[in-house]
């Protein structure tokens, strides 16, 4: 596998160590890399960075940190940064704005129009009656609040733009077996499972009912209660919280020796440890003298689709 760095249409090789993190829960994925001849790299904080895998774009973003040093006869350069949507995470909205009868895609397009970022979606999205931005909140906070309201996710693409998604509806043709994994761990976690989920709206209105749902798998008394500050009904939010807690309670972590897999993909796992279909939620891609690997977090395939 050949990894190159592209800046100002110039290609750089000699990347000794590289790590890239992609997640379905982040629109600003991150990277870090060491370059053997760092003093030859012409880069500033405004330059768009592309990481190429076998001459195809694998990651696009901007630099957060630049660290050039001298070690023996080398001048290694450490570059770290995030995908293009980093500016949406860091920057704040300076005015209240109300959107009426606009789809989430239309709203996000308008919100991010000052930035060099595009948004797309293959989903059929219904218009919202109303949505309001808040002065001082980050662009990501507003987008995330909008997406949570409509049960979708904003994720970062290889080109650094945004895609509004739910998880894949069908399992891909990929089948992973024991021989594909260097390591595989099956995890069950129950601290965030509750016998009942209750949300209460902080309002003076008398006709607003609490949202209460039960998780019958938790037999002992373990209540969860919270105030509803989201743009969802109490019952919808209680169901959303319960279903996500259930989906998050079981996961797999595995290591494979390639960069062929991507987040937001459902794959079939047929191993001696577990046999089922799982959603790829997070991946850390790394390449160094010790080899090329992907550390993957697989979760319940229904996560983010509830």
C-alpha atoms as a PDB file:
ATOM      1  CA  UNK A   1       0.000   0.000   0.000  1.00  0.00           C
ATOM      2  CA  UNK A   2       1.393   3.379  -1.062  1.00  0.00           C
ATOM      3  CA  UNK A   3       0.663   6.471   1.076  1.00  0.00           C
ATOM      4  CA  UNK A   4       1.356   9.996  -0.208  1.00  0.00           C
ATOM      5  CA  UNK A   5       0.660  13.513   0.980  1.00  0.00           C
ATOM      6  CA  UNK A   6      -0.708  16.085  -1.487  1.00  0.00           C
ATOM      7  CA  UNK A   7      -0.382  19.824  -0.821  1.00  0.00           C
ATOM      8  CA  UNK A   8      -0.673  22.576  -3.466  1.00  0.00           C
ATOM      9  CA  UNK A   9      -0.750  19.852  -6.148  1.00  0.00           C
ATOM     10  CA  UNK A  10       2.656  18.625  -4.996  1.00  0.00           C
ATOM     11  CA  UNK A  11       3.106  15.021  -3.821  1.00  0.00           C
ATOM     12  CA  UNK A  12       5.282  13.996  -0.889  1.00  0.00           C
ATOM     13  CA  UNK A  13       6.487  10.516   0.008  1.00  0.00           C
ATOM     14  CA  UNK A  14       8.649   9.326   2.909  1.00  0.00           C
ATOM     15  CA  UNK A  15       5.811   9.143   5.436  1.00  0.00           C
ATOM     16  CA  UNK A  16       7.226   7.023   8.274  1.00  0.00           C
ATOM     17  CA  UNK A  17       4.265   6.911  10.651  1.00  0.00           C
ATOM     18  CA  UNK A  18       0.650   7.826  10.001  1.00  0.00           C
ATOM     19  CA  UNK A  19      -2.560   7.518  11.998  1.00  0.00           C
ATOM     20  CA  UNK A  20      -6.059   8.424  10.791  1.00  0.00           C
ATOM     21  CA  UNK A  21      -9.219   8.268  12.903  1.00  0.00           C
ATOM     22  CA  UNK A  22     -12.659   8.097  11.302  1.00  0.00           C
ATOM     23  CA  UNK A  23     -15.906   7.885  13.261  1.00  0.00           C
ATOM     24  CA  UNK A  24     -19.632   7.962  12.593  1.00  0.00           C
ATOM     25  CA  UNK A  25     -19.899  10.288  15.586  1.00  0.00           C
ATOM     26  CA  UNK A  26     -17.561  12.964  14.231  1.00  0.00           C
ATOM     27  CA  UNK A  27     -17.679  15.345  11.270  1.00  0.00           C
ATOM     28  CA  UNK A  28     -14.053  16.318  11.936  1.00  0.00           C
ATOM     29  CA  UNK A  29     -12.016  13.142  11.666  1.00  0.00           C
ATOM     30  CA  UNK A  30      -8.338  13.451  12.627  1.00  0.00           C
ATOM     31  CA  UNK A  31      -4.885  12.503  11.367  1.00  0.00           C
ATOM     32  CA  UNK A  32      -1.239  12.683  12.384  1.00  0.00           C
ATOM     33  CA  UNK A  33       1.883  11.760  10.416  1.00  0.00           C
ATOM     34  CA  UNK A  34       5.666  11.853  10.539  1.00  0.00           C
ATOM     35  CA  UNK A  35       7.485  12.787   7.322  1.00  0.00           C
ATOM     36  CA  UNK A  36      11.117  11.733   6.884  1.00  0.00           C
ATOM     37  CA  UNK A  37      12.352  14.895   5.105  1.00  0.00           C
ATOM     38  CA  UNK A  38      10.163  17.438   6.815  1.00  0.00           C
ATOM     39  CA  UNK A  39      12.105  20.498   5.680  1.00  0.00           C
ATOM     40  CA  UNK A  40      11.101  19.779   2.066  1.00  0.00           C
ATOM     41  CA  UNK A  41       7.365  20.096   2.783  1.00  0.00           C
ATOM     42  CA  UNK A  42       5.869  23.471   1.821  1.00  0.00           C
ATOM     43  CA  UNK A  43       2.764  23.892   3.959  1.00  0.00           C
ATOM     44  CA  UNK A  44       0.809  26.556   5.851  1.00  0.00           C
ATOM     45  CA  UNK A  45      -2.263  26.381   8.062  1.00  0.00           C
ATOM     46  CA  UNK A  46      -4.479  27.497   5.142  1.00  0.00           C
ATOM     47  CA  UNK A  47      -3.384  24.724   2.783  1.00  0.00           C
ATOM     48  CA  UNK A  48      -5.766  21.912   1.976  1.00  0.00           C
ATOM     49  CA  UNK A  49      -4.180  18.557   2.785  1.00  0.00           C
ATOM     50  CA  UNK A  50      -5.021  15.331   0.985  1.00  0.00           C
ATOM     51  CA  UNK A  51      -3.785  11.917   2.070  1.00  0.00           C
ATOM     52  CA  UNK A  52      -3.697   9.501  -0.850  1.00  0.00           C
ATOM     53  CA  UNK A  53      -3.896   5.721  -0.572  1.00  0.00           C
ATOM     54  CA  UNK A  54      -2.692   4.024  -3.756  1.00  0.00           C
ATOM     55  CA  UNK A  55      -3.141   7.374  -5.576  1.00  0.00           C
ATOM     56  CA  UNK A  56      -6.786   7.765  -4.500  1.00  0.00           C
ATOM     57  CA  UNK A  57      -8.033  10.336  -1.992  1.00  0.00           C
ATOM     58  CA  UNK A  58      -8.443   8.767   1.446  1.00  0.00           C
ATOM     59  CA  UNK A  59      -8.617  11.850   3.703  1.00  0.00           C
ATOM     60  CA  UNK A  60      -8.983  15.622   3.196  1.00  0.00           C
ATOM     61  CA  UNK A  61      -8.487  18.313   5.805  1.00  0.00           C
ATOM     62  CA  UNK A  62      -6.396  21.077   7.316  1.00  0.00           C
ATOM     63  CA  UNK A  63      -3.431  21.223   9.657  1.00  0.00           C
ATOM     64  CA  UNK A  64      -3.824  21.882  13.386  1.00  0.00           C
ATOM     65  CA  UNK A  65      -0.206  21.394  14.495  1.00  0.00           C
ATOM     66  CA  UNK A  66       3.212  21.650  12.789  1.00  0.00           C
ATOM     67  CA  UNK A  67       6.309  20.309  14.548  1.00  0.00           C
ATOM     68  CA  UNK A  68       9.668  20.288  12.716  1.00  0.00           C
ATOM     69  CA  UNK A  69      12.716  18.953  14.556  1.00  0.00           C
ATOM     70  CA  UNK A  70      16.250  17.706  14.021  1.00  0.00           C
ATOM     71  CA  UNK A  71      17.149  14.145  15.038  1.00  0.00           C
ATOM     72  CA  UNK A  72      20.543  12.764  13.985  1.00  0.00           C
ATOM     73  CA  UNK A  73      20.688  13.384  10.228  1.00  0.00           C
ATOM     74  CA  UNK A  74      16.920  13.620   9.852  1.00  0.00           C
ATOM     75  CA  UNK A  75      14.594  16.603   9.938  1.00  0.00           C
ATOM     76  CA  UNK A  76      11.318  14.842  10.753  1.00  0.00           C
ATOM     77  CA  UNK A  77       8.090  16.783  10.489  1.00  0.00           C
ATOM     78  CA  UNK A  78       5.052  15.914  12.588  1.00  0.00           C
ATOM     79  CA  UNK A  79       1.785  17.187  11.134  1.00  0.00           C
ATOM     80  CA  UNK A  80      -1.563  16.731  12.881  1.00  0.00           C
ATOM     81  CA  UNK A  81      -4.977  17.971  11.844  1.00  0.00           C
ATOM     82  CA  UNK A  82      -8.615  17.296  11.145  1.00  0.00           C
ATOM     83  CA  UNK A  83     -10.924  16.980   8.172  1.00  0.00           C
ATOM     84  CA  UNK A  84     -12.387  20.101   6.524  1.00  0.00           C
ATOM     85  CA  UNK A  85     -15.389  20.278   8.851  1.00  0.00           C
ATOM     86  CA  UNK A  86     -13.038  21.185  11.729  1.00  0.00           C
ATOM     87  CA  UNK A  87     -14.066  24.817  11.173  1.00  0.00           C
ATOM     88  CA  UNK A  88     -17.694  23.898  11.856  1.00  0.00           C
ATOM     89  CA  UNK A  89     -16.612  22.357  15.168  1.00  0.00           C
ATOM     90  CA  UNK A  90     -14.493  25.335  16.227  1.00  0.00           C
ATOM     91  CA  UNK A  91     -16.470  28.357  14.974  1.00  0.00           C
ATOM     92  CA  UNK A  92     -19.578  30.005  16.423  1.00  0.00           C
ATOM     93  CA  UNK A  93     -22.841  31.244  14.932  1.00  0.00           C
ATOM     94  CA  UNK A  94     -23.220  35.020  15.335  1.00  0.00           C
ATOM     95  CA  UNK A  95     -26.968  35.457  14.770  1.00  0.00           C
ATOM     96  CA  UNK A  96     -30.261  33.765  15.531  1.00  0.00           C
ATOM     97  CA  UNK A  97     -31.949  32.468  12.418  1.00  0.00           C
ATOM     98  CA  UNK A  98     -35.263  30.686  11.965  1.00  0.00           C
ATOM     99  CA  UNK A  99     -35.880  28.156   9.204  1.00  0.00           C
ATOM    100  CA  UNK A 100     -39.477  27.316   8.302  1.00  0.00           C
ATOM    101  CA  UNK A 101     -40.602  24.316   6.229  1.00  0.00           C
ATOM    102  CA  UNK A 102     -37.055  23.448   5.135  1.00  0.00           C
ATOM    103  CA  UNK A 103     -35.497  19.981   5.000  1.00  0.00           C
ATOM    104  CA  UNK A 104     -32.411  19.193   7.136  1.00  0.00           C
ATOM    105  CA  UNK A 105     -30.329  19.117   3.950  1.00  0.00           C
ATOM    106  CA  UNK A 106     -31.526  22.593   2.932  1.00  0.00           C
ATOM    107  CA  UNK A 107     -30.870  23.951   6.434  1.00  0.00           C
ATOM    108  CA  UNK A 108     -27.337  22.542   6.630  1.00  0.00           C
ATOM    109  CA  UNK A 109     -26.543  23.819   3.121  1.00  0.00           C
ATOM    110  CA  UNK A 110     -27.531  27.329   4.179  1.00  0.00           C
ATOM    111  CA  UNK A 111     -25.688  27.119   7.513  1.00  0.00           C
ATOM    112  CA  UNK A 112     -22.355  26.071   6.004  1.00  0.00           C
ATOM    113  CA  UNK A 113     -22.555  28.249   2.859  1.00  0.00           C
ATOM    114  CA  UNK A 114     -19.732  30.610   4.030  1.00  0.00           C
ATOM    115  CA  UNK A 115     -17.358  27.651   4.374  1.00  0.00           C
ATOM    116  CA  UNK A 116     -15.571  25.708   1.637  1.00  0.00           C
ATOM    117  CA  UNK A 117     -17.576  22.588   2.540  1.00  0.00           C
ATOM    118  CA  UNK A 118     -20.491  20.898   0.790  1.00  0.00           C
ATOM    119  CA  UNK A 119     -23.230  18.672   2.178  1.00  0.00           C
ATOM    120  CA  UNK A 120     -25.085  15.839   0.475  1.00  0.00           C
ATOM    121  CA  UNK A 121     -27.521  13.067   1.323  1.00  0.00           C
ATOM    122  CA  UNK A 122     -29.156  10.142  -0.444  1.00  0.00           C
ATOM    123  CA  UNK A 123     -31.950  10.120   2.144  1.00  0.00           C
ATOM    124  CA  UNK A 124     -35.500  11.308   1.548  1.00  0.00           C
ATOM    125  CA  UNK A 125     -35.796  14.012   4.208  1.00  0.00           C
ATOM    126  CA  UNK A 126     -39.067  15.686   5.179  1.00  0.00           C
ATOM    127  CA  UNK A 127     -39.279  19.435   5.854  1.00  0.00           C
ATOM    128  CA  UNK A 128     -39.279  20.588   9.475  1.00  0.00           C
ATOM    129  CA  UNK A 129     -41.961  22.976  10.607  1.00  0.00           C
ATOM    130  CA  UNK A 130     -39.343  25.174  12.255  1.00  0.00           C
ATOM    131  CA  UNK A 131     -35.704  25.130  13.336  1.00  0.00           C
ATOM    132  CA  UNK A 132     -33.805  27.906  15.104  1.00  0.00           C
ATOM    133  CA  UNK A 133     -30.086  28.500  15.463  1.00  0.00           C
ATOM    134  CA  UNK A 134     -28.694  30.044  18.652  1.00  0.00           C
ATOM    135  CA  UNK A 135     -26.139  32.833  18.968  1.00  0.00           C
ATOM    136  CA  UNK A 136     -22.814  31.510  20.235  1.00  0.00           C
ATOM    137  CA  UNK A 137     -23.382  27.821  19.574  1.00  0.00           C
ATOM    138  CA  UNK A 138     -20.934  26.208  17.191  1.00  0.00           C
ATOM    139  CA  UNK A 139     -22.039  25.307  13.701  1.00  0.00           C
ATOM    140  CA  UNK A 140     -21.513  21.644  14.596  1.00  0.00           C
ATOM    141  CA  UNK A 141     -23.716  21.981  17.695  1.00  0.00           C
ATOM    142  CA  UNK A 142     -26.537  23.381  15.572  1.00  0.00           C
ATOM    143  CA  UNK A 143     -26.092  20.714  12.881  1.00  0.00           C
ATOM    144  CA  UNK A 144     -25.886  17.939  15.454  1.00  0.00           C
ATOM    145  CA  UNK A 145     -29.002  19.222  17.232  1.00  0.00           C
ATOM    146  CA  UNK A 146     -30.848  19.298  13.911  1.00  0.00           C
ATOM    147  CA  UNK A 147     -29.730  15.787  13.004  1.00  0.00           C
ATOM    148  CA  UNK A 148     -30.582  14.361  16.405  1.00  0.00           C
ATOM    149  CA  UNK A 149     -34.072  15.797  16.034  1.00  0.00           C
ATOM    150  CA  UNK A 150     -34.512  13.923  12.742  1.00  0.00           C
ATOM    151  CA  UNK A 151     -32.613  10.691  13.625  1.00  0.00           C
ATOM    152  CA  UNK A 152     -29.808  11.196  11.103  1.00  0.00           C
ATOM    153  CA  UNK A 153     -26.044  11.629  11.391  1.00  0.00           C
ATOM    154  CA  UNK A 154     -23.601  14.102   9.813  1.00  0.00           C
ATOM    155  CA  UNK A 155     -20.395  12.272   8.857  1.00  0.00           C
ATOM    156  CA  UNK A 156     -17.227  13.327   7.066  1.00  0.00           C
ATOM    157  CA  UNK A 157     -16.464  12.024   3.563  1.00  0.00           C
ATOM    158  CA  UNK A 158     -13.036  11.219   2.095  1.00  0.00           C
ATOM    159  CA  UNK A 159     -13.083  14.636   0.438  1.00  0.00           C
ATOM    160  CA  UNK A 160     -13.711  16.342   3.771  1.00  0.00           C
ATOM    161  CA  UNK A 161     -17.317  17.275   3.053  1.00  0.00           C
ATOM    162  CA  UNK A 162     -20.456  16.300   4.986  1.00  0.00           C
ATOM    163  CA  UNK A 163     -22.949  13.558   4.249  1.00  0.00           C
ATOM    164  CA  UNK A 164     -26.223  13.164   6.133  1.00  0.00           C
ATOM    165  CA  UNK A 165     -26.802   9.447   6.710  1.00  0.00           C
ATOM    166  CA  UNK A 166     -28.475   6.717   8.619  1.00  0.00           C
ATOM    167  CA  UNK A 167     -26.591   3.468   8.907  1.00  0.00           C
ATOM    168  CA  UNK A 168     -26.590   1.139   5.931  1.00  0.00           C
ATOM    169  CA  UNK A 169     -29.899  -0.679   5.430  1.00  0.00           C
ATOM    170  CA  UNK A 170     -28.381  -3.817   3.954  1.00  0.00           C
ATOM    171  CA  UNK A 171     -25.352  -5.884   4.788  1.00  0.00           C
ATOM    172  CA  UNK A 172     -22.462  -5.499   2.369  1.00  0.00           C
ATOM    173  CA  UNK A 173     -20.916  -8.470   0.594  1.00  0.00           C
ATOM    174  CA  UNK A 174     -17.927  -8.313   2.949  1.00  0.00           C
ATOM    175  CA  UNK A 175     -17.497 -11.371   5.176  1.00  0.00           C
ATOM    176  CA  UNK A 176     -14.779 -11.360   7.837  1.00  0.00           C
ATOM    177  CA  UNK A 177     -13.546 -14.653   9.267  1.00  0.00           C
ATOM    178  CA  UNK A 178     -10.973 -15.693  11.878  1.00  0.00           C
ATOM    179  CA  UNK A 179      -8.148 -15.455   9.332  1.00  0.00           C
ATOM    180  CA  UNK A 180      -8.922 -11.773   8.641  1.00  0.00           C
ATOM    181  CA  UNK A 181      -8.299 -10.684  12.227  1.00  0.00           C
ATOM    182  CA  UNK A 182      -5.055 -10.203  14.094  1.00  0.00           C
ATOM    183  CA  UNK A 183      -7.148  -9.674  17.213  1.00  0.00           C
ATOM    184  CA  UNK A 184     -10.870  -9.696  18.023  1.00  0.00           C
ATOM    185  CA  UNK A 185     -12.607  -8.905  21.327  1.00  0.00           C
ATOM    186  CA  UNK A 186     -16.308  -9.293  22.131  1.00  0.00           C
ATOM    187  CA  UNK A 187     -17.565  -6.740  24.660  1.00  0.00           C
ATOM    188  CA  UNK A 188     -20.770  -6.573  26.703  1.00  0.00           C
ATOM    189  CA  UNK A 189     -21.233  -3.431  28.776  1.00  0.00           C
ATOM    190  CA  UNK A 190     -24.198  -2.706  31.025  1.00  0.00           C
ATOM    191  CA  UNK A 191     -23.480   0.459  33.090  1.00  0.00           C
ATOM    192  CA  UNK A 192     -25.681   2.490  30.713  1.00  0.00           C
ATOM    193  CA  UNK A 193     -28.642   0.103  30.665  1.00  0.00           C
ATOM    194  CA  UNK A 194     -31.663   1.068  32.785  1.00  0.00           C
ATOM    195  CA  UNK A 195     -34.959  -0.557  33.753  1.00  0.00           C
ATOM    196  CA  UNK A 196     -36.898   2.559  32.735  1.00  0.00           C
ATOM    197  CA  UNK A 197     -36.219   5.765  30.829  1.00  0.00           C
ATOM    198  CA  UNK A 198     -38.102   8.954  31.717  1.00  0.00           C
ATOM    199  CA  UNK A 199     -37.849  12.375  30.103  1.00  0.00           C
ATOM    200  CA  UNK A 200     -39.645  15.428  31.445  1.00  0.00           C
ATOM    201  CA  UNK A 201     -40.132  18.678  29.542  1.00  0.00           C
ATOM    202  CA  UNK A 202     -39.269  21.768  31.555  1.00  0.00           C
ATOM    203  CA  UNK A 203     -42.415  23.725  30.827  1.00  0.00           C
ATOM    204  CA  UNK A 204     -45.331  25.275  32.699  1.00  0.00           C
ATOM    205  CA  UNK A 205     -47.862  23.712  30.329  1.00  0.00           C
ATOM    206  CA  UNK A 206     -50.140  21.244  32.086  1.00  0.00           C
ATOM    207  CA  UNK A 207     -50.875  18.995  29.091  1.00  0.00           C
ATOM    208  CA  UNK A 208     -47.274  17.833  28.487  1.00  0.00           C
ATOM    209  CA  UNK A 209     -46.914  14.206  29.508  1.00  0.00           C
ATOM    210  CA  UNK A 210     -43.719  12.584  30.706  1.00  0.00           C
ATOM    211  CA  UNK A 211     -42.121  10.116  28.336  1.00  0.00           C
ATOM    212  CA  UNK A 212     -41.611   6.749  30.052  1.00  0.00           C
ATOM    213  CA  UNK A 213     -40.403   3.534  28.402  1.00  0.00           C
ATOM    214  CA  UNK A 214     -39.073   0.319  29.918  1.00  0.00           C
ATOM    215  CA  UNK A 215     -36.174  -1.998  29.124  1.00  0.00           C
ATOM    216  CA  UNK A 216     -37.568  -5.355  30.210  1.00  0.00           C
ATOM    217  CA  UNK A 217     -34.132  -7.008  30.036  1.00  0.00           C
ATOM    218  CA  UNK A 218     -33.092  -5.053  33.133  1.00  0.00           C
ATOM    219  CA  UNK A 219     -35.152  -6.657  35.902  1.00  0.00           C
ATOM    220  CA  UNK A 220     -33.874  -4.788  38.956  1.00  0.00           C
ATOM    221  CA  UNK A 221     -34.837  -1.188  39.775  1.00  0.00           C
ATOM    222  CA  UNK A 222     -32.516   1.094  37.723  1.00  0.00           C
ATOM    223  CA  UNK A 223     -34.367   4.259  36.650  1.00  0.00           C
ATOM    224  CA  UNK A 224     -33.004   6.912  34.286  1.00  0.00           C
ATOM    225  CA  UNK A 225     -34.623  10.372  34.514  1.00  0.00           C
ATOM    226  CA  UNK A 226     -33.634  13.551  32.656  1.00  0.00           C
ATOM    227  CA  UNK A 227     -34.995  16.902  31.535  1.00  0.00           C
ATOM    228  CA  UNK A 228     -35.843  17.136  27.836  1.00  0.00           C
ATOM    229  CA  UNK A 229     -34.002  20.040  26.213  1.00  0.00           C
ATOM    230  CA  UNK A 230     -34.130  18.510  22.736  1.00  0.00           C
ATOM    231  CA  UNK A 231     -36.519  19.123  19.835  1.00  0.00           C
ATOM    232  CA  UNK A 232     -38.218  15.775  20.388  1.00  0.00           C
ATOM    233  CA  UNK A 233     -41.275  14.681  22.340  1.00  0.00           C
ATOM    234  CA  UNK A 234     -40.625  13.148  25.756  1.00  0.00           C
ATOM    235  CA  UNK A 235     -41.640   9.685  24.555  1.00  0.00           C
ATOM    236  CA  UNK A 236     -39.597   9.872  21.357  1.00  0.00           C
ATOM    237  CA  UNK A 237     -36.518  10.925  23.302  1.00  0.00           C
ATOM    238  CA  UNK A 238     -37.008   8.169  25.892  1.00  0.00           C
ATOM    239  CA  UNK A 239     -37.287   5.570  23.115  1.00  0.00           C
ATOM    240  CA  UNK A 240     -34.241   7.006  21.337  1.00  0.00           C
ATOM    241  CA  UNK A 241     -32.166   6.856  24.540  1.00  0.00           C
ATOM    242  CA  UNK A 242     -33.264   3.313  25.381  1.00  0.00           C
ATOM    243  CA  UNK A 243     -32.652   1.928  21.893  1.00  0.00           C
ATOM    244  CA  UNK A 244     -29.223   3.546  21.632  1.00  0.00           C
ATOM    245  CA  UNK A 245     -28.202   2.266  25.068  1.00  0.00           C
ATOM    246  CA  UNK A 246     -29.237  -1.255  24.045  1.00  0.00           C
ATOM    247  CA  UNK A 247     -27.365  -1.014  20.741  1.00  0.00           C
ATOM    248  CA  UNK A 248     -24.272   0.365  22.470  1.00  0.00           C
ATOM    249  CA  UNK A 249     -24.168  -2.348  25.137  1.00  0.00           C
ATOM    250  CA  UNK A 250     -22.642  -4.941  22.791  1.00  0.00           C
ATOM    251  CA  UNK A 251     -19.660  -4.288  20.545  1.00  0.00           C
ATOM    252  CA  UNK A 252     -16.618  -5.889  18.969  1.00  0.00           C
ATOM    253  CA  UNK A 253     -13.148  -4.460  18.622  1.00  0.00           C
ATOM    254  CA  UNK A 254     -10.923  -5.997  16.009  1.00  0.00           C
ATOM    255  CA  UNK A 255      -7.601  -5.485  14.236  1.00  0.00           C
ATOM    256  CA  UNK A 256      -7.106  -6.267  10.538  1.00  0.00           C
ATOM    257  CA  UNK A 257      -3.980  -5.793   8.442  1.00  0.00           C
ATOM    258  CA  UNK A 258      -5.335  -3.444   5.759  1.00  0.00           C
ATOM    259  CA  UNK A 259      -7.169  -0.169   5.147  1.00  0.00           C
ATOM    260  CA  UNK A 260      -9.917  -1.682   2.986  1.00  0.00           C
ATOM    261  CA  UNK A 261     -12.864  -1.122   5.362  1.00  0.00           C
ATOM    262  CA  UNK A 262     -14.835   2.112   5.941  1.00  0.00           C
ATOM    263  CA  UNK A 263     -17.161   3.453   8.633  1.00  0.00           C
ATOM    264  CA  UNK A 264     -20.952   3.322   8.113  1.00  0.00           C
ATOM    265  CA  UNK A 265     -20.679  -0.124   6.545  1.00  0.00           C
ATOM    266  CA  UNK A 266     -22.465  -3.244   7.749  1.00  0.00           C
ATOM    267  CA  UNK A 267     -20.308  -6.354   7.395  1.00  0.00           C
ATOM    268  CA  UNK A 268     -20.905  -9.992   8.212  1.00  0.00           C
ATOM    269  CA  UNK A 269     -18.581 -11.512  10.814  1.00  0.00           C
ATOM    270  CA  UNK A 270     -18.310 -15.279  10.836  1.00  0.00           C
ATOM    271  CA  UNK A 271     -15.722 -16.207  13.449  1.00  0.00           C
ATOM    272  CA  UNK A 272     -15.338 -18.708  16.252  1.00  0.00           C
ATOM    273  CA  UNK A 273     -16.048 -15.852  18.690  1.00  0.00           C
ATOM    274  CA  UNK A 274     -19.212 -14.421  17.141  1.00  0.00           C
ATOM    275  CA  UNK A 275     -21.343 -14.842  14.033  1.00  0.00           C
ATOM    276  CA  UNK A 276     -23.531 -11.890  13.147  1.00  0.00           C
ATOM    277  CA  UNK A 277     -23.733  -8.695  11.106  1.00  0.00           C
ATOM    278  CA  UNK A 278     -22.256  -5.550  12.639  1.00  0.00           C
ATOM    279  CA  UNK A 279     -21.982  -1.860  11.788  1.00  0.00           C
ATOM    280  CA  UNK A 280     -18.496  -0.335  11.561  1.00  0.00           C
ATOM    281  CA  UNK A 281     -18.652   2.739  13.814  1.00  0.00           C
ATOM    282  CA  UNK A 282     -15.002   3.756  14.327  1.00  0.00           C
ATOM    283  CA  UNK A 283     -11.707   2.964  12.612  1.00  0.00           C
ATOM    284  CA  UNK A 284      -8.145   3.950  13.464  1.00  0.00           C
ATOM    285  CA  UNK A 285      -5.921   3.416  10.432  1.00  0.00           C
ATOM    286  CA  UNK A 286      -2.182   3.278  11.117  1.00  0.00           C
ATOM    287  CA  UNK A 287       0.989   2.559   9.175  1.00  0.00           C
ATOM    288  CA  UNK A 288       4.495   2.356  10.627  1.00  0.00           C
ATOM    289  CA  UNK A 289       7.616   0.201  10.544  1.00  0.00           C
ATOM    290  CA  UNK A 290       5.675  -2.452  12.467  1.00  0.00           C
ATOM    291  CA  UNK A 291       3.024  -2.769   9.748  1.00  0.00           C
ATOM    292  CA  UNK A 292      -0.276  -1.533   8.356  1.00  0.00           C
ATOM    293  CA  UNK A 293      -3.391  -2.138  10.464  1.00  0.00           C
ATOM    294  CA  UNK A 294      -6.938  -0.945  11.091  1.00  0.00           C
ATOM    295  CA  UNK A 295      -8.321  -0.942  14.624  1.00  0.00           C
ATOM    296  CA  UNK A 296     -12.089  -1.243  14.193  1.00  0.00           C
ATOM    297  CA  UNK A 297     -15.071  -0.824  16.501  1.00  0.00           C
ATOM    298  CA  UNK A 298     -18.084  -2.866  15.384  1.00  0.00           C
ATOM    299  CA  UNK A 299     -21.463  -2.182  17.004  1.00  0.00           C
ATOM    300  CA  UNK A 300     -25.055  -3.378  16.802  1.00  0.00           C
ATOM    301  CA  UNK A 301     -26.145  -2.860  13.187  1.00  0.00           C
ATOM    302  CA  UNK A 302     -29.249  -0.969  14.319  1.00  0.00           C
ATOM    303  CA  UNK A 303     -27.270   1.760  16.090  1.00  0.00           C
ATOM    304  CA  UNK A 304     -27.940   5.283  14.708  1.00  0.00           C
ATOM    305  CA  UNK A 305     -31.034   3.967  12.966  1.00  0.00           C
ATOM    306  CA  UNK A 306     -33.482   4.258  15.841  1.00  0.00           C
END
